[in-house]
Protein backbone atom coordinates (compact mmCIF):
# COMPACT_ATOMS: atom_id res chain seq x y z
CA MET A 1 86.13 84.70 160.40
CA LYS A 2 88.53 87.02 162.00
CA ARG A 3 86.99 89.33 164.58
CA PRO A 4 87.47 92.94 163.48
CA GLU A 5 89.59 95.24 165.73
CA VAL A 6 87.85 97.84 167.68
CA LEU A 7 89.78 101.11 167.06
CA GLY A 8 87.34 103.65 168.68
CA ASN A 9 86.42 107.09 167.40
CA VAL A 10 89.76 109.00 168.18
CA PRO A 11 92.08 106.69 166.15
CA LEU A 12 89.64 106.54 163.27
CA TRP A 13 89.27 110.27 163.21
CA ILE A 14 93.03 110.68 163.14
CA LEU A 15 93.30 108.15 160.31
CA THR A 16 90.58 110.01 158.40
CA LEU A 17 92.44 113.34 159.03
CA ARG A 18 95.74 111.90 157.72
CA ALA A 19 94.00 110.67 154.65
CA TYR A 20 92.42 114.03 154.00
CA THR A 21 95.84 115.73 154.55
CA ILE A 22 97.63 113.37 152.13
CA ALA A 23 94.80 113.78 149.54
CA LEU A 24 95.26 117.60 149.59
CA LYS A 25 98.98 117.32 149.01
CA ASN A 26 98.52 115.06 145.94
CA LEU A 27 95.67 117.05 144.28
CA GLU A 28 96.97 119.42 141.71
CA ASN A 29 94.08 120.45 139.46
CA MET A 30 92.21 122.48 142.12
CA PRO A 31 91.86 126.34 142.27
CA LYS A 32 93.94 128.32 144.84
CA ALA A 33 90.95 129.49 146.91
CA LYS A 34 89.70 125.79 147.20
CA LYS A 35 93.08 124.55 148.24
CA GLU A 36 93.24 127.27 150.87
CA GLN A 37 89.81 126.34 152.18
CA HIS A 38 90.87 122.68 152.62
CA LEU A 39 94.17 123.67 154.05
CA LYS A 40 92.53 125.84 156.69
CA VAL A 41 90.27 122.95 157.77
CA ILE A 42 93.24 120.49 157.86
CA LEU A 43 95.37 122.96 160.09
CA GLU A 44 92.41 123.21 162.50
CA GLY A 45 92.12 119.47 162.56
CA TRP A 46 95.72 118.95 163.49
CA SER A 47 95.58 121.77 166.00
CA THR A 48 92.73 119.76 167.69
CA VAL A 49 94.97 116.67 167.77
CA MET A 50 97.73 118.85 169.45
CA LEU A 51 95.17 120.03 172.01
CA TYR A 52 93.98 116.48 172.72
CA ALA A 53 97.52 115.33 173.02
CA CYS A 54 98.34 118.08 175.60
CA ILE A 55 95.25 117.10 177.57
CA ALA A 56 96.11 113.42 177.36
CA PHE A 57 99.61 114.18 178.57
CA LYS A 58 98.21 116.07 181.63
CA GLU A 59 96.00 113.14 182.45
CA ILE A 60 98.86 110.66 182.25
CA ILE A 61 101.12 112.70 184.52
CA GLU A 62 98.41 113.41 187.11
CA LYS A 63 96.53 110.08 187.12
CA ARG A 64 99.17 107.75 185.68
CA GLU A 65 96.38 106.31 183.33
CA ILE A 66 94.20 107.37 180.51
CA GLN A 67 91.06 105.87 178.98
CA LEU A 68 90.75 105.69 175.14
CA GLY A 69 87.36 104.39 174.16
CA SER A 70 86.86 100.93 175.88
CA VAL A 71 90.68 100.59 176.57
CA LYS A 72 92.40 101.87 179.68
CA PHE A 73 96.18 102.37 179.72
CA LYS A 74 98.17 102.54 182.96
CA PHE A 75 101.56 104.08 183.13
CA ASP A 76 104.27 103.08 185.63
CA LEU A 77 105.87 106.46 186.15
CA PRO A 78 108.17 107.37 189.08
CA LYS A 79 106.46 109.27 191.80
CA ASP A 80 109.24 111.81 191.89
CA ILE A 81 109.70 112.31 188.19
CA ASP A 82 111.87 115.30 187.35
CA ALA A 83 109.68 118.31 186.47
CA ARG A 84 112.23 119.27 183.88
CA VAL A 85 111.83 116.01 182.00
CA VAL A 86 108.04 116.47 182.06
CA ARG A 87 108.39 119.96 180.62
CA ILE A 88 110.74 118.87 177.87
CA ILE A 89 108.35 116.07 176.92
CA PHE A 90 105.44 118.44 176.85
CA LEU A 91 107.26 121.04 174.75
CA HIS A 92 107.95 118.33 172.09
CA ILE A 93 104.21 117.65 171.60
CA PRO A 94 103.82 120.48 168.97
CA ILE A 95 107.05 119.33 167.40
CA VAL A 96 105.87 115.70 167.03
CA ILE A 97 102.50 116.89 165.54
CA SER A 98 104.27 119.23 163.10
CA ASP A 99 106.46 116.51 161.90
CA ILE A 100 103.51 114.22 161.15
CA VAL A 101 101.95 117.23 159.25
CA ARG A 102 105.13 117.77 157.29
CA ARG A 103 105.34 114.15 156.22
CA ASP A 104 101.68 114.08 155.13
CA LEU A 105 101.21 117.60 153.80
CA GLY A 106 104.72 118.93 152.93
CA SER A 107 104.81 119.79 149.25
CA GLU A 108 106.12 122.71 147.19
CA LYS A 109 102.94 122.64 145.39
CA LEU A 110 101.24 124.18 148.50
CA ALA A 111 103.85 126.97 148.94
CA VAL A 112 101.43 129.80 147.99
CA GLN A 113 98.72 128.48 150.39
CA LEU A 114 101.16 127.84 153.23
CA ARG A 115 102.40 131.51 152.93
CA ASN A 116 98.82 132.90 153.34
CA GLU A 117 98.82 134.69 156.73
CA ASN A 118 95.04 134.71 156.83
CA LEU A 119 94.62 131.02 157.01
CA ALA A 120 95.41 130.42 160.59
CA SER A 121 92.83 131.48 163.21
CA THR A 122 94.81 130.34 166.30
CA LEU A 123 98.43 130.13 167.44
CA SER A 124 98.31 126.38 167.08
CA ASP A 125 97.18 126.65 163.43
CA LEU A 126 99.89 129.30 162.70
CA PHE A 127 102.57 127.16 164.38
CA LEU A 128 101.77 124.15 162.17
CA GLN A 129 101.42 126.21 159.03
CA THR A 130 104.78 127.98 159.57
CA SER A 131 106.47 124.86 160.67
CA VAL A 132 105.57 123.02 157.44
CA TYR A 133 106.66 126.06 155.39
CA ALA A 134 110.05 126.17 157.30
CA ASP A 135 110.57 122.41 157.21
CA LEU A 136 110.39 122.74 153.39
CA LYS A 137 112.81 125.66 153.58
CA LEU A 138 110.56 127.55 151.04
CA ASP A 139 111.33 131.10 149.89
CA GLU A 140 111.90 133.53 152.83
CA TYR A 141 111.06 130.73 155.42
CA LEU A 142 113.13 132.82 158.00
CA LYS A 143 110.85 135.78 157.56
CA GLN A 144 107.85 133.49 158.20
CA LEU A 145 109.54 132.14 161.35
CA LYS A 146 110.22 135.70 162.49
CA ALA A 147 106.54 136.61 161.96
CA LEU A 148 105.50 133.64 163.96
CA LYS A 149 107.89 134.67 166.75
CA ASP A 150 106.41 138.16 166.84
CA ARG A 151 102.85 136.90 166.95
CA VAL A 152 103.62 134.35 169.78
CA THR A 153 105.57 137.04 171.72
CA ALA A 154 102.57 139.35 171.49
CA SER A 155 100.31 136.60 172.78
CA GLY A 156 102.64 135.97 175.73
CA SER A 157 102.90 132.16 175.12
CA ARG A 158 106.27 131.06 176.35
CA VAL A 159 105.48 127.49 175.56
CA PHE A 160 105.18 128.24 171.80
CA LEU A 161 108.34 130.39 171.87
CA GLU A 162 110.32 127.43 173.23
CA SER A 163 108.65 125.13 170.74
CA ILE A 164 109.80 127.38 167.90
CA LEU A 165 113.34 127.26 169.11
CA ILE A 166 113.21 123.52 169.24
CA LYS A 167 111.67 123.30 165.82
CA MET A 168 114.52 125.50 164.42
CA ARG A 169 117.04 123.16 166.00
CA GLU A 170 115.37 120.19 164.34
CA ILE A 171 115.30 121.96 160.95
CA TYR A 172 119.06 122.66 161.27
CA LEU A 173 119.93 119.12 162.36
CA ARG A 174 117.85 117.66 159.56
CA LEU A 175 118.73 119.97 156.72
CA GLY A 176 121.69 122.14 157.64
CA LEU A 177 122.18 125.87 156.64
CA ARG A 178 123.59 127.54 153.54
CA ALA A 179 126.01 130.37 154.12
CA ASP A 180 123.51 132.99 153.19
CA GLU A 181 121.00 131.59 155.71
CA GLN A 182 123.18 131.44 158.68
CA ASP A 183 123.06 135.09 159.92
CA GLY A 184 119.31 135.38 159.60
CA PHE A 185 118.86 131.95 161.29
CA LEU A 186 121.00 132.90 164.24
CA ARG A 187 119.33 136.23 164.50
CA VAL A 188 115.87 134.56 164.87
CA ALA A 189 117.21 132.01 167.31
CA ALA A 190 118.91 134.82 169.47
CA GLU A 191 115.68 136.90 169.52
CA LEU A 192 113.71 133.78 170.70
CA SER A 193 116.30 133.24 173.50
CA ALA A 194 115.80 136.87 174.65
CA GLU A 195 111.98 136.59 174.43
CA ILE A 196 111.92 133.41 176.47
CA LYS A 197 113.96 135.13 179.19
CA GLY A 198 111.59 137.98 179.16
CA LEU A 199 114.28 140.64 178.48
CA THR A 200 113.62 144.15 177.22
CA GLY A 201 115.58 147.18 176.14
CA GLU A 202 119.32 147.13 176.42
CA GLU A 203 119.33 143.76 178.20
CA ARG A 204 117.46 142.22 175.19
CA LYS A 205 119.92 143.71 172.85
CA ARG A 206 122.88 142.40 174.85
CA GLU A 207 121.43 138.96 175.03
CA ILE A 208 120.86 138.78 171.30
CA ASP A 209 124.41 139.92 170.64
CA ARG A 210 125.85 137.55 173.26
CA TYR A 211 123.75 134.49 171.99
CA SER A 212 124.69 135.10 168.36
CA THR A 213 128.55 135.71 169.10
CA ASP A 214 128.71 132.68 171.39
CA LEU A 215 127.32 130.41 168.70
CA ARG A 216 129.63 131.68 166.04
CA ARG A 217 132.82 131.48 168.23
CA SER A 218 132.18 128.13 169.61
CA ASP A 219 130.74 126.75 166.36
CA GLN A 220 128.24 125.00 168.50
CA ILE A 221 125.64 124.61 165.76
CA GLN A 222 128.09 122.71 163.54
CA LYS A 223 129.24 120.47 166.39
CA LEU A 224 125.64 119.78 167.16
CA ARG A 225 124.90 118.75 163.74
CA GLU A 226 128.00 116.50 163.39
CA THR A 227 127.03 114.87 166.71
CA ARG A 228 123.54 114.17 165.43
CA ALA A 229 124.84 112.83 162.13
């Protein structure tokens, strides 16, 4: 007989969470309130995955190894690894998790629930909820992105501000923009740029105008998408 593979608690927990997530997407005959209850639990679950991923990343960078159950992984990283590279990888952790959630949960059937502002209890929950909504480009998704930006700005989390900007870039590269979306999209991106730089007052206004104008003049967004394609 073939010896069963030992997965450990964490991989099994993630597999169970994925099954739960996919099940919710495919269940139609369920009351709105019940769907929201399940969606809230799912968002909290994936937020926990995001947290553990960040902790694991920290362990890998500091100790060059990590223990998962009975298995120990060792990483052969350069001693003088560029801090900018480390930061870029770290900023993409929320993006990777949100992409998994989009694939497992993304459905227009959950549009009403994903739009509910009272579901998310943490910034991580709200980031994932808004990311799925924006990834599907549901009604007024730019308004949802702006609301997320405002809440993250109020919390002072620069990491999530940068992650939102990366998420918007990914949405554009994957789906593009209609003519009626471009101005609003650029506005949110420009405001994110100003918030990340910590600008206020007239400096903030000038940065938003400069950022939007530069993108339109140089057509960088279109060139970026053509390069990706």
